[in-house]
Amino acid sequence: MPFLDLDELASLTGAPVRHSHRPPDNQRSGPRPKADALIVAPATYNTINKWANGIADTYALDILAEAIGNDIPIVVLPFVNASLASRAPFRRSVDQLRAEGVHIMLGPGEWQPHPPGTGSERLSQFPWSRALAHVEEATWPHVKS
């Protein structure tokens, strides 16, 4: 959340920005608007592994788990170092999510993992716009043009 302007996002979407589960005794204020598509960026090693393995211990992971089941197009732009990306659990998680229709922008011609210890240097180069462009160019019938 530190990189988001929550007020601006709420203004653009016409809905409050939710970032945590509501308390059990708090009534739902109504259905949340269905997303046309989701972008998960920067997607960390932990986020990708937990999500692929069905762990929904945060509000964001809960939403992502449901999105797959609701057939919402999802584009993921990972931000992981090469050592973590080379691990079998991460590779399996990427394969699992791709098998469920999630588009992960990782590999040849896509975003590449960075060398260990260089994440803060690479953050300024993070290609946020590539994930948005992919969603806008996609031919998913759900996505509004």
Protein backbone atom coordinates (compact mmCIF):
# COMPACT_ATOMS: atom_id res chain seq x y z
CA MET A 1 0.00 0.00 0.00
CA PRO A 2 2.82 2.50 0.49
CA PHE A 3 3.08 3.02 -3.28
CA LEU A 4 -0.65 3.66 -3.79
CA ASP A 5 -2.67 6.83 -3.47
CA LEU A 6 -5.72 5.23 -1.85
CA ASP A 7 -7.89 8.35 -2.14
CA GLU A 8 -7.12 8.68 -5.84
CA LEU A 9 -7.79 4.98 -6.42
CA ALA A 10 -11.12 5.24 -4.63
CA SER A 11 -11.99 8.27 -6.74
CA LEU A 12 -11.09 6.46 -9.97
CA THR A 13 -13.02 3.29 -9.13
CA GLY A 14 -15.96 4.84 -7.32
CA ALA A 15 -15.52 2.34 -4.49
CA PRO A 16 -13.61 2.40 -1.22
CA VAL A 17 -10.25 0.65 -1.28
CA ARG A 18 -10.29 -2.43 0.88
CA HIS A 19 -7.01 -3.65 2.27
CA SER A 20 -8.07 -5.89 5.15
CA HIS A 21 -10.88 -8.22 6.10
CA ARG A 22 -13.85 -6.57 7.74
CA PRO A 23 -14.47 -7.47 11.37
CA PRO A 24 -16.89 -10.41 11.76
CA ASP A 25 -19.49 -8.22 13.48
CA ASN A 26 -19.37 -5.59 10.72
CA GLN A 27 -22.07 -6.09 8.09
CA ARG A 28 -21.01 -6.12 4.46
CA SER A 29 -21.78 -2.74 2.91
CA GLY A 30 -22.82 -4.40 -0.33
CA PRO A 31 -21.21 -6.45 -3.03
CA ARG A 32 -17.81 -5.33 -4.21
CA PRO A 33 -17.63 -4.44 -7.86
CA LYS A 34 -16.31 -7.31 -9.98
CA ALA A 35 -12.91 -6.57 -11.39
CA ASP A 36 -12.42 -6.70 -15.15
CA ALA A 37 -8.87 -7.95 -14.54
CA LEU A 38 -6.25 -7.98 -11.79
CA ILE A 39 -2.58 -7.03 -11.85
CA VAL A 40 -0.38 -8.46 -9.11
CA ALA A 41 2.78 -6.36 -8.98
CA PRO A 42 5.30 -6.45 -7.53
CA ALA A 43 4.64 -10.10 -6.78
CA THR A 44 7.09 -11.45 -4.24
CA TYR A 45 8.44 -14.95 -3.74
CA ASN A 46 6.19 -15.38 -0.70
CA THR A 47 3.07 -14.07 -2.43
CA ILE A 48 3.47 -16.38 -5.42
CA ASN A 49 4.24 -19.46 -3.30
CA LYS A 50 1.44 -18.89 -0.78
CA TRP A 51 -1.11 -18.12 -3.49
CA ALA A 52 -0.24 -21.21 -5.56
CA ASN A 53 -0.52 -23.39 -2.46
CA GLY A 54 -3.92 -22.06 -1.44
CA ILE A 55 -2.72 -20.07 1.57
CA ALA A 56 -5.01 -17.07 1.99
CA ASP A 57 -3.71 -15.61 5.23
CA THR A 58 -3.99 -11.99 4.06
CA TYR A 59 -6.80 -10.04 2.46
CA ALA A 60 -4.85 -9.77 -0.81
CA LEU A 61 -4.26 -13.54 -1.03
CA ASP A 62 -7.93 -14.18 -0.22
CA ILE A 63 -8.98 -11.93 -3.10
CA LEU A 64 -6.48 -13.58 -5.47
CA ALA A 65 -7.64 -17.08 -4.54
CA GLU A 66 -11.25 -16.11 -5.24
CA ALA A 67 -10.34 -14.34 -8.49
CA ILE A 68 -9.07 -17.57 -10.02
CA GLY A 69 -12.31 -19.31 -9.04
CA ASN A 70 -14.34 -16.41 -10.46
CA ASP A 71 -12.53 -16.57 -13.81
CA ILE A 72 -11.12 -13.03 -13.53
CA PRO A 73 -8.08 -12.48 -15.79
CA ILE A 74 -4.90 -12.04 -13.75
CA VAL A 75 -1.49 -10.74 -14.82
CA VAL A 76 1.45 -11.17 -12.44
CA LEU A 77 4.71 -9.26 -12.62
CA PRO A 78 7.11 -10.96 -10.17
CA PHE A 79 9.86 -9.12 -8.32
CA VAL A 80 12.19 -11.86 -7.11
CA ASN A 81 15.91 -12.43 -7.14
CA ALA A 82 17.47 -15.11 -9.33
CA SER A 83 18.38 -17.35 -6.39
CA LEU A 84 14.78 -17.49 -5.17
CA ALA A 85 13.40 -17.81 -8.71
CA SER A 86 15.62 -20.84 -9.31
CA ARG A 87 14.18 -22.77 -6.37
CA ALA A 88 11.90 -25.73 -7.09
CA PRO A 89 9.05 -24.49 -4.86
CA PHE A 90 8.91 -21.20 -6.79
CA ARG A 91 9.07 -22.89 -10.21
CA ARG A 92 6.27 -25.27 -9.15
CA SER A 93 4.18 -22.36 -7.90
CA VAL A 94 4.59 -20.48 -11.18
CA ASP A 95 3.60 -23.63 -13.10
CA GLN A 96 0.57 -24.21 -10.84
CA LEU A 97 -0.71 -20.67 -11.26
CA ARG A 98 -0.16 -20.76 -15.02
CA ALA A 99 -2.10 -24.05 -15.16
CA GLU A 100 -5.02 -22.19 -13.58
CA GLY A 101 -4.93 -19.48 -16.25
CA VAL A 102 -2.84 -16.85 -14.47
CA HIS A 103 -0.48 -15.00 -16.81
CA ILE A 104 2.90 -14.64 -15.11
CA MET A 105 5.23 -12.23 -16.88
CA LEU A 106 8.43 -14.13 -16.16
CA GLY A 107 10.85 -15.75 -18.57
CA PRO A 108 12.33 -15.10 -22.01
CA GLY A 109 10.92 -11.89 -23.47
CA GLU A 110 9.35 -11.02 -20.13
CA TRP A 111 10.64 -9.61 -16.85
CA GLN A 112 13.72 -11.39 -15.50
CA PRO A 113 14.72 -12.07 -11.89
CA HIS A 114 17.43 -9.77 -10.58
CA PRO A 115 20.76 -10.80 -9.05
CA PRO A 116 20.58 -11.29 -5.27
CA GLY A 117 21.21 -8.10 -3.34
CA THR A 118 20.24 -5.79 -6.22
CA GLY A 119 16.49 -5.48 -5.63
CA SER A 120 16.61 -1.90 -4.36
CA GLU A 121 18.65 -0.90 -7.43
CA ARG A 122 16.19 -2.59 -9.79
CA LEU A 123 13.00 -1.28 -8.18
CA SER A 124 13.25 2.01 -10.08
CA GLN A 125 13.30 -0.03 -13.32
CA PHE A 126 10.27 -2.12 -12.39
CA PRO A 127 8.05 -2.15 -15.51
CA TRP A 128 4.65 -1.38 -13.96
CA SER A 129 3.35 -0.23 -17.34
CA ARG A 130 4.12 -3.59 -19.00
CA ALA A 131 1.56 -5.38 -16.83
CA LEU A 132 -1.06 -2.71 -17.55
CA ALA A 133 -0.28 -2.83 -21.27
CA HIS A 134 -0.68 -6.61 -21.24
CA VAL A 135 -4.12 -6.32 -19.66
CA GLU A 136 -5.17 -3.61 -22.12
CA GLU A 137 -3.92 -5.62 -25.12
CA ALA A 138 -5.37 -8.94 -23.98
CA THR A 139 -8.29 -10.45 -25.79
CA TRP A 140 -10.04 -11.60 -22.64
CA PRO A 141 -13.80 -11.14 -23.13
CA HIS A 142 -14.14 -9.90 -19.53
CA VAL A 143 -11.90 -6.89 -19.94
CA LYS A 144 -13.59 -3.66 -20.96
CA SER A 145 -11.96 -1.72 -23.73
